[in-house]
Amino acid sequence: MNEDIIKKIEEQDEKLEAIWDSVEKTRKYFLIIIWITVLTVVLPAVGLLFAIPKFLSSYSSMMI
């Protein structure tokens, strides 16, 4: 009886290790996706905050 319980616990331990590895890979994947999103969306938006006023001022000076 004890051997069966020990065997079941060892099997569960192996499964938990596999789940842990999968969760860590998923976490790293989401972290990479977040960084890519920040680099492709947020940084250009911040750049536009500086570029649009400069463009408007040069455009308005050309109109006068």
PDB file of N, CA and C in Angstrom:
ATOM      1  N   MET A   1       0.827  -1.197   0.000  1.00  0.00           N
ATOM      2  CA  MET A   1       0.000   0.000   0.000  1.00  0.00           C
ATOM      3  C   MET A   1       0.869   1.259   0.000  1.00  0.00           C
ATOM      4  N   ASN A   2       1.880   1.291   0.831  1.00  0.00           N
ATOM      5  CA  ASN A   2       2.758   2.454   0.879  1.00  0.00           C
ATOM      6  C   ASN A   2       3.515   2.652  -0.431  1.00  0.00           C
ATOM      7  N   GLU A   3       3.886   1.562  -1.057  1.00  0.00           N
ATOM      8  CA  GLU A   3       4.610   1.665  -2.316  1.00  0.00           C
ATOM      9  C   GLU A   3       3.749   2.288  -3.398  1.00  0.00           C
ATOM     10  N   ASP A   4       2.458   1.963  -3.399  1.00  0.00           N
ATOM     11  CA  ASP A   4       1.535   2.558  -4.373  1.00  0.00           C
ATOM     12  C   ASP A   4       1.420   4.068  -4.151  1.00  0.00           C
ATOM     13  N   ILE A   5       1.319   4.457  -2.896  1.00  0.00           N
ATOM     14  CA  ILE A   5       1.191   5.875  -2.576  1.00  0.00           C
ATOM     15  C   ILE A   5       2.466   6.620  -2.960  1.00  0.00           C
ATOM     16  N   ILE A   6       3.602   6.043  -2.654  1.00  0.00           N
ATOM     17  CA  ILE A   6       4.882   6.671  -2.997  1.00  0.00           C
ATOM     18  C   ILE A   6       5.022   6.786  -4.519  1.00  0.00           C
ATOM     19  N   LYS A   7       4.595   5.745  -5.233  1.00  0.00           N
ATOM     20  CA  LYS A   7       4.669   5.778  -6.692  1.00  0.00           C
ATOM     21  C   LYS A   7       3.765   6.874  -7.252  1.00  0.00           C
ATOM     22  N   LYS A   8       2.553   7.003  -6.702  1.00  0.00           N
ATOM     23  CA  LYS A   8       1.631   8.049  -7.148  1.00  0.00           C
ATOM     24  C   LYS A   8       2.207   9.438  -6.865  1.00  0.00           C
ATOM     25  N   ILE A   9       2.812   9.617  -5.717  1.00  0.00           N
ATOM     26  CA  ILE A   9       3.395  10.909  -5.364  1.00  0.00           C
ATOM     27  C   ILE A   9       4.543  11.250  -6.309  1.00  0.00           C
ATOM     28  N   GLU A  10       5.357  10.278  -6.646  1.00  0.00           N
ATOM     29  CA  GLU A  10       6.458  10.515  -7.576  1.00  0.00           C
ATOM     30  C   GLU A  10       5.940  10.868  -8.963  1.00  0.00           C
ATOM     31  N   GLU A  11       4.869  10.205  -9.404  1.00  0.00           N
ATOM     32  CA  GLU A  11       4.269  10.527 -10.695  1.00  0.00           C
ATOM     33  C   GLU A  11       3.717  11.950 -10.696  1.00  0.00           C
ATOM     34  N   GLN A  12       3.068  12.325  -9.595  1.00  0.00           N
ATOM     35  CA  GLN A  12       2.536  13.678  -9.491  1.00  0.00           C
ATOM     36  C   GLN A  12       3.663  14.712  -9.476  1.00  0.00           C
ATOM     37  N   ASP A  13       4.759  14.377  -8.834  1.00  0.00           N
ATOM     38  CA  ASP A  13       5.901  15.277  -8.796  1.00  0.00           C
ATOM     39  C   ASP A  13       6.461  15.502 -10.203  1.00  0.00           C
ATOM     40  N   GLU A  14       6.551  14.442 -10.990  1.00  0.00           N
ATOM     41  CA  GLU A  14       7.025  14.571 -12.368  1.00  0.00           C
ATOM     42  C   GLU A  14       6.070  15.436 -13.195  1.00  0.00           C
ATOM     43  N   LYS A  15       4.782  15.226 -12.997  1.00  0.00           N
ATOM     44  CA  LYS A  15       3.793  16.017 -13.732  1.00  0.00           C
ATOM     45  C   LYS A  15       3.854  17.486 -13.319  1.00  0.00           C
ATOM     46  N   LEU A  16       4.040  17.737 -12.023  1.00  0.00           N
ATOM     47  CA  LEU A  16       4.150  19.111 -11.551  1.00  0.00           C
ATOM     48  C   LEU A  16       5.377  19.812 -12.129  1.00  0.00           C
ATOM     49  N   GLU A  17       6.470  19.081 -12.246  1.00  0.00           N
ATOM     50  CA  GLU A  17       7.677  19.653 -12.861  1.00  0.00           C
ATOM     51  C   GLU A  17       7.420  20.009 -14.327  1.00  0.00           C
ATOM     52  N   ALA A  18       6.712  19.150 -15.027  1.00  0.00           N
ATOM     53  CA  ALA A  18       6.384  19.425 -16.432  1.00  0.00           C
ATOM     54  C   ALA A  18       5.475  20.648 -16.544  1.00  0.00           C
ATOM     55  N   ILE A  19       4.512  20.757 -15.648  1.00  0.00           N
ATOM     56  CA  ILE A  19       3.610  21.909 -15.644  1.00  0.00           C
ATOM     57  C   ILE A  19       4.399  23.178 -15.341  1.00  0.00           C
ATOM     58  N   TRP A  20       5.308  23.122 -14.377  1.00  0.00           N
ATOM     59  CA  TRP A  20       6.125  24.272 -14.022  1.00  0.00           C
ATOM     60  C   TRP A  20       6.951  24.755 -15.217  1.00  0.00           C
ATOM     61  N   ASP A  21       7.558  23.815 -15.918  1.00  0.00           N
ATOM     62  CA  ASP A  21       8.345  24.179 -17.093  1.00  0.00           C
ATOM     63  C   ASP A  21       7.468  24.855 -18.148  1.00  0.00           C
ATOM     64  N   SER A  22       6.290  24.320 -18.358  1.00  0.00           N
ATOM     65  CA  SER A  22       5.374  24.899 -19.329  1.00  0.00           C
ATOM     66  C   SER A  22       4.931  26.303 -18.919  1.00  0.00           C
ATOM     67  N   VAL A  23       4.644  26.488 -17.652  1.00  0.00           N
ATOM     68  CA  VAL A  23       4.226  27.805 -17.153  1.00  0.00           C
ATOM     69  C   VAL A  23       5.357  28.818 -17.305  1.00  0.00           C
ATOM     70  N   GLU A  24       6.570  28.416 -17.012  1.00  0.00           N
ATOM     71  CA  GLU A  24       7.708  29.327 -17.155  1.00  0.00           C
ATOM     72  C   GLU A  24       7.931  29.722 -18.613  1.00  0.00           C
ATOM     73  N   LYS A  25       7.798  28.788 -19.530  1.00  0.00           N
ATOM     74  CA  LYS A  25       7.930  29.108 -20.950  1.00  0.00           C
ATOM     75  C   LYS A  25       6.838  30.083 -21.380  1.00  0.00           C
ATOM     76  N   THR A  26       5.618  29.865 -20.907  1.00  0.00           N
ATOM     77  CA  THR A  26       4.507  30.745 -21.246  1.00  0.00           C
ATOM     78  C   THR A  26       4.726  32.139 -20.675  1.00  0.00           C
ATOM     79  N   ARG A  27       5.220  32.213 -19.449  1.00  0.00           N
ATOM     80  CA  ARG A  27       5.491  33.503 -18.820  1.00  0.00           C
ATOM     81  C   ARG A  27       6.542  34.282 -19.607  1.00  0.00           C
ATOM     82  N   LYS A  28       7.599  33.600 -20.032  1.00  0.00           N
ATOM     83  CA  LYS A  28       8.643  34.257 -20.815  1.00  0.00           C
ATOM     84  C   LYS A  28       8.104  34.717 -22.168  1.00  0.00           C
ATOM     85  N   TYR A  29       7.238  33.915 -22.771  1.00  0.00           N
ATOM     86  CA  TYR A  29       6.633  34.275 -24.052  1.00  0.00           C
ATOM     87  C   TYR A  29       5.799  35.548 -23.905  1.00  0.00           C
ATOM     88  N   PHE A  30       4.965  35.614 -22.864  1.00  0.00           N
ATOM     89  CA  PHE A  30       4.143  36.799 -22.649  1.00  0.00           C
ATOM     90  C   PHE A  30       5.004  38.020 -22.353  1.00  0.00           C
ATOM     91  N   LEU A  31       6.087  37.843 -21.633  1.00  0.00           N
ATOM     92  CA  LEU A  31       6.979  38.957 -21.349  1.00  0.00           C
ATOM     93  C   LEU A  31       7.600  39.510 -22.635  1.00  0.00           C
ATOM     94  N   ILE A  32       7.990  38.621 -23.528  1.00  0.00           N
ATOM     95  CA  ILE A  32       8.539  39.048 -24.817  1.00  0.00           C
ATOM     96  C   ILE A  32       7.477  39.786 -25.626  1.00  0.00           C
ATOM     97  N   ILE A  33       6.254  39.279 -25.628  1.00  0.00           N
ATOM     98  CA  ILE A  33       5.159  39.929 -26.353  1.00  0.00           C
ATOM     99  C   ILE A  33       4.894  41.326 -25.792  1.00  0.00           C
ATOM    100  N   ILE A  34       4.947  41.472 -24.476  1.00  0.00           N
ATOM    101  CA  ILE A  34       4.730  42.785 -23.859  1.00  0.00           C
ATOM    102  C   ILE A  34       5.812  43.764 -24.296  1.00  0.00           C
ATOM    103  N   TRP A  35       7.073  43.324 -24.284  1.00  0.00           N
ATOM    104  CA  TRP A  35       8.170  44.208 -24.692  1.00  0.00           C
ATOM    105  C   TRP A  35       8.053  44.594 -26.163  1.00  0.00           C
ATOM    106  N   ILE A  36       7.692  43.653 -26.999  1.00  0.00           N
ATOM    107  CA  ILE A  36       7.521  43.964 -28.421  1.00  0.00           C
ATOM    108  C   ILE A  36       6.390  44.977 -28.610  1.00  0.00           C
ATOM    109  N   THR A  37       5.311  44.816 -27.866  1.00  0.00           N
ATOM    110  CA  THR A  37       4.191  45.749 -27.951  1.00  0.00           C
ATOM    111  C   THR A  37       4.619  47.147 -27.520  1.00  0.00           C
ATOM    112  N   VAL A  38       5.360  47.223 -26.438  1.00  0.00           N
ATOM    113  CA  VAL A  38       5.827  48.523 -25.964  1.00  0.00           C
ATOM    114  C   VAL A  38       6.728  49.175 -27.007  1.00  0.00           C
ATOM    115  N   LEU A  39       7.630  48.397 -27.575  1.00  0.00           N
ATOM    116  CA  LEU A  39       8.555  48.966 -28.547  1.00  0.00           C
ATOM    117  C   LEU A  39       7.872  49.398 -29.835  1.00  0.00           C
ATOM    118  N   THR A  40       6.836  48.692 -30.251  1.00  0.00           N
ATOM    119  CA  THR A  40       6.201  49.007 -31.532  1.00  0.00           C
ATOM    120  C   THR A  40       5.019  49.958 -31.429  1.00  0.00           C
ATOM    121  N   VAL A  41       4.457  50.144 -30.236  1.00  0.00           N
ATOM    122  CA  VAL A  41       3.280  51.007 -30.103  1.00  0.00           C
ATOM    123  C   VAL A  41       3.578  52.234 -29.246  1.00  0.00           C
ATOM    124  N   VAL A  42       4.095  52.022 -28.075  1.00  0.00           N
ATOM    125  CA  VAL A  42       4.246  53.123 -27.122  1.00  0.00           C
ATOM    126  C   VAL A  42       5.371  54.069 -27.540  1.00  0.00           C
ATOM    127  N   LEU A  43       6.526  53.538 -27.903  1.00  0.00           N
ATOM    128  CA  LEU A  43       7.639  54.413 -28.270  1.00  0.00           C
ATOM    129  C   LEU A  43       7.342  55.285 -29.491  1.00  0.00           C
ATOM    130  N   PRO A  44       6.745  54.744 -30.559  1.00  0.00           N
ATOM    131  CA  PRO A  44       6.377  55.644 -31.665  1.00  0.00           C
ATOM    132  C   PRO A  44       5.337  56.695 -31.254  1.00  0.00           C
ATOM    133  N   ALA A  45       4.429  56.338 -30.375  1.00  0.00           N
ATOM    134  CA  ALA A  45       3.439  57.316 -29.911  1.00  0.00           C
ATOM    135  C   ALA A  45       4.120  58.442 -29.141  1.00  0.00           C
ATOM    136  N   VAL A  46       5.079  58.105 -28.311  1.00  0.00           N
ATOM    137  CA  VAL A  46       5.829  59.128 -27.583  1.00  0.00           C
ATOM    138  C   VAL A  46       6.627  59.979 -28.561  1.00  0.00           C
ATOM    139  N   GLY A  47       7.207  59.367 -29.561  1.00  0.00           N
ATOM    140  CA  GLY A  47       7.932  60.122 -30.582  1.00  0.00           C
ATOM    141  C   GLY A  47       7.029  61.096 -31.319  1.00  0.00           C
ATOM    142  N   LEU A  48       5.810  60.688 -31.575  1.00  0.00           N
ATOM    143  CA  LEU A  48       4.865  61.578 -32.256  1.00  0.00           C
ATOM    144  C   LEU A  48       4.502  62.788 -31.400  1.00  0.00           C
ATOM    145  N   LEU A  49       4.552  62.626 -30.083  1.00  0.00           N
ATOM    146  CA  LEU A  49       4.270  63.759 -29.204  1.00  0.00           C
ATOM    147  C   LEU A  49       5.277  64.883 -29.428  1.00  0.00           C
ATOM    148  N   PHE A  50       6.489  64.532 -29.814  1.00  0.00           N
ATOM    149  CA  PHE A  50       7.502  65.541 -30.081  1.00  0.00           C
ATOM    150  C   PHE A  50       7.520  65.958 -31.555  1.00  0.00           C
ATOM    151  N   ALA A  51       7.204  65.041 -32.446  1.00  0.00           N
ATOM    152  CA  ALA A  51       7.292  65.323 -33.876  1.00  0.00           C
ATOM    153  C   ALA A  51       6.127  66.175 -34.373  1.00  0.00           C
ATOM    154  N   ILE A  52       4.929  65.940 -33.887  1.00  0.00           N
ATOM    155  CA  ILE A  52       3.754  66.667 -34.379  1.00  0.00           C
ATOM    156  C   ILE A  52       3.843  68.160 -34.069  1.00  0.00           C
ATOM    157  N   PRO A  53       4.184  68.577 -32.847  1.00  0.00           N
ATOM    158  CA  PRO A  53       4.287  70.025 -32.619  1.00  0.00           C
ATOM    159  C   PRO A  53       5.360  70.697 -33.481  1.00  0.00           C
ATOM    160  N   LYS A  54       6.480  70.022 -33.676  1.00  0.00           N
ATOM    161  CA  LYS A  54       7.522  70.593 -34.522  1.00  0.00           C
ATOM    162  C   LYS A  54       7.030  70.707 -35.966  1.00  0.00           C
ATOM    163  N   PHE A  55       6.344  69.675 -36.446  1.00  0.00           N
ATOM    164  CA  PHE A  55       5.791  69.717 -37.799  1.00  0.00           C
ATOM    165  C   PHE A  55       4.763  70.844 -37.934  1.00  0.00           C
ATOM    166  N   LEU A  56       3.900  70.968 -36.946  1.00  0.00           N
ATOM    167  CA  LEU A  56       2.873  72.017 -37.017  1.00  0.00           C
ATOM    168  C   LEU A  56       3.487  73.409 -36.995  1.00  0.00           C
ATOM    169  N   SER A  57       4.524  73.589 -36.200  1.00  0.00           N
ATOM    170  CA  SER A  57       5.136  74.918 -36.159  1.00  0.00           C
ATOM    171  C   SER A  57       5.833  75.238 -37.481  1.00  0.00           C
ATOM    172  N   SER A  58       6.510  74.278 -38.067  1.00  0.00           N
ATOM    173  CA  SER A  58       7.149  74.553 -39.351  1.00  0.00           C
ATOM    174  C   SER A  58       6.105  74.711 -40.450  1.00  0.00           C
ATOM    175  N   TYR A  59       5.029  73.981 -40.376  1.00  0.00           N
ATOM    176  CA  TYR A  59       3.962  74.079 -41.373  1.00  0.00           C
ATOM    177  C   TYR A  59       3.272  75.436 -41.265  1.00  0.00           C
ATOM    178  N   SER A  60       3.003  75.883 -40.050  1.00  0.00           N
ATOM    179  CA  SER A  60       2.322  77.166 -39.878  1.00  0.00           C
ATOM    180  C   SER A  60       3.251  78.320 -40.263  1.00  0.00           C
ATOM    181  N   SER A  61       4.557  78.172 -40.058  1.00  0.00           N
ATOM    182  CA  SER A  61       5.467  79.258 -40.454  1.00  0.00           C
ATOM    183  C   SER A  61       5.562  79.341 -41.967  1.00  0.00           C
ATOM    184  N   MET A  62       5.378  78.246 -42.663  1.00  0.00           N
ATOM    185  CA  MET A  62       5.388  78.271 -44.124  1.00  0.00           C
ATOM    186  C   MET A  62       4.121  78.930 -44.670  1.00  0.00           C
ATOM    187  N   MET A  63       3.034  78.825 -43.954  1.00  0.00           N
ATOM    188  CA  MET A  63       1.756  79.378 -44.413  1.00  0.00           C
ATOM    189  C   MET A  63       1.714  80.890 -44.261  1.00  0.00           C
ATOM    190  N   ILE A  64       2.498  81.446 -43.385  1.00  0.00           N
ATOM    191  CA  ILE A  64       2.428  82.894 -43.119  1.00  0.00           C
ATOM    192  C   ILE A  64       3.216  83.664 -44.124  1.00  0.00           C
TER     193      ILE A  64
END
